[in-house]
């Protein structure tokens, strides 16, 4: 895949390369993309866990009950 970036972004990348020890533009861009992918996955995880939390609250399940069930399951599978 080939991506074209604006001259403004190219200038920013050039300034960052030396200061942060990147060998080249490709290395920096791959690192930046991986970091952004991880940020988006974290956001997705938080959204999903919030939906689960709301559903559990709606059903009246407490955090203590969930932790107790996890501990019971864990002790049975040792």
Protein backbone atom coordinates (compact mmCIF):
# COMPACT_ATOMS: atom_id res chain seq x y z
CA UNK A 1 0.00 0.00 0.00
CA UNK A 2 1.27 3.41 -0.84
CA UNK A 3 0.14 6.46 1.06
CA UNK A 4 0.77 10.06 0.12
CA UNK A 5 0.96 12.63 2.89
CA UNK A 6 0.89 16.39 2.81
CA UNK A 7 4.09 18.40 2.85
CA UNK A 8 3.13 19.66 6.31
CA UNK A 9 3.03 16.11 7.68
CA UNK A 10 6.28 15.23 5.88
CA UNK A 11 7.95 18.18 7.58
CA UNK A 12 6.67 17.09 10.99
CA UNK A 13 7.89 13.54 10.39
CA UNK A 14 11.33 14.78 9.34
CA UNK A 15 11.64 16.76 12.57
CA UNK A 16 10.57 13.80 14.69
CA UNK A 17 12.77 11.17 13.03
CA UNK A 18 16.05 12.38 14.44
CA UNK A 19 14.78 13.41 17.84
CA UNK A 20 13.16 10.07 18.63
CA UNK A 21 15.61 7.69 17.03
CA UNK A 22 13.55 6.43 14.10
CA UNK A 23 15.69 5.02 11.30
CA UNK A 24 13.43 6.23 8.50
CA UNK A 25 9.96 7.48 7.59
CA UNK A 26 8.59 3.96 7.12
CA UNK A 27 9.59 2.94 10.64
CA UNK A 28 7.98 6.05 12.11
CA UNK A 29 4.77 5.70 10.11
CA UNK A 30 4.39 2.03 11.02
CA UNK A 31 4.94 2.85 14.69
CA UNK A 32 2.44 5.72 14.54
CA UNK A 33 -0.16 3.53 12.83
CA UNK A 34 0.29 0.70 15.35
CA UNK A 35 -0.13 3.17 18.21
CA UNK A 36 -3.32 4.54 16.64
CA UNK A 37 -4.65 1.03 16.04
CA UNK A 38 -4.07 0.22 19.72
CA UNK A 39 -5.83 3.45 20.78
CA UNK A 40 -8.87 2.56 18.67
CA UNK A 41 -8.93 -1.00 20.03
CA UNK A 42 -8.80 0.38 23.56
CA UNK A 43 -11.73 2.71 22.81
CA UNK A 44 -13.64 -0.21 21.31
CA UNK A 45 -12.93 -2.34 24.40
CA UNK A 46 -14.09 0.43 26.74
CA UNK A 47 -17.31 0.93 24.77
CA UNK A 48 -18.06 -2.80 24.84
CA UNK A 49 -17.31 -3.17 28.54
CA UNK A 50 -19.52 -0.17 29.31
CA UNK A 51 -22.39 -1.83 27.43
CA UNK A 52 -21.83 -5.03 29.41
CA UNK A 53 -21.68 -3.09 32.68
CA UNK A 54 -24.98 -1.35 31.92
CA UNK A 55 -26.63 -4.64 30.98
CA UNK A 56 -25.39 -6.28 34.19
CA UNK A 57 -26.64 -3.36 36.29
CA UNK A 58 -30.00 -3.50 34.55
CA UNK A 59 -30.26 -7.17 35.54
CA UNK A 60 -29.28 -6.31 39.09
CA UNK A 61 -25.97 -8.17 39.08
CA UNK A 62 -23.36 -6.60 41.38
CA UNK A 63 -19.63 -6.42 40.88
CA UNK A 64 -19.17 -8.51 44.03
CA UNK A 65 -21.35 -11.28 42.57
CA UNK A 66 -19.34 -11.30 39.35
CA UNK A 67 -16.02 -11.43 41.22
CA UNK A 68 -17.34 -14.22 43.45
CA UNK A 69 -18.42 -16.22 40.38
CA UNK A 70 -15.05 -15.71 38.70
CA UNK A 71 -13.24 -16.86 41.83
CA UNK A 72 -15.49 -19.92 42.12
CA UNK A 73 -14.86 -20.81 38.47
CA UNK A 74 -11.12 -20.27 38.87
CA UNK A 75 -10.89 -22.48 41.95
CA UNK A 76 -12.80 -25.28 40.17
CA UNK A 77 -10.37 -25.22 37.24
CA UNK A 78 -7.09 -25.43 39.13
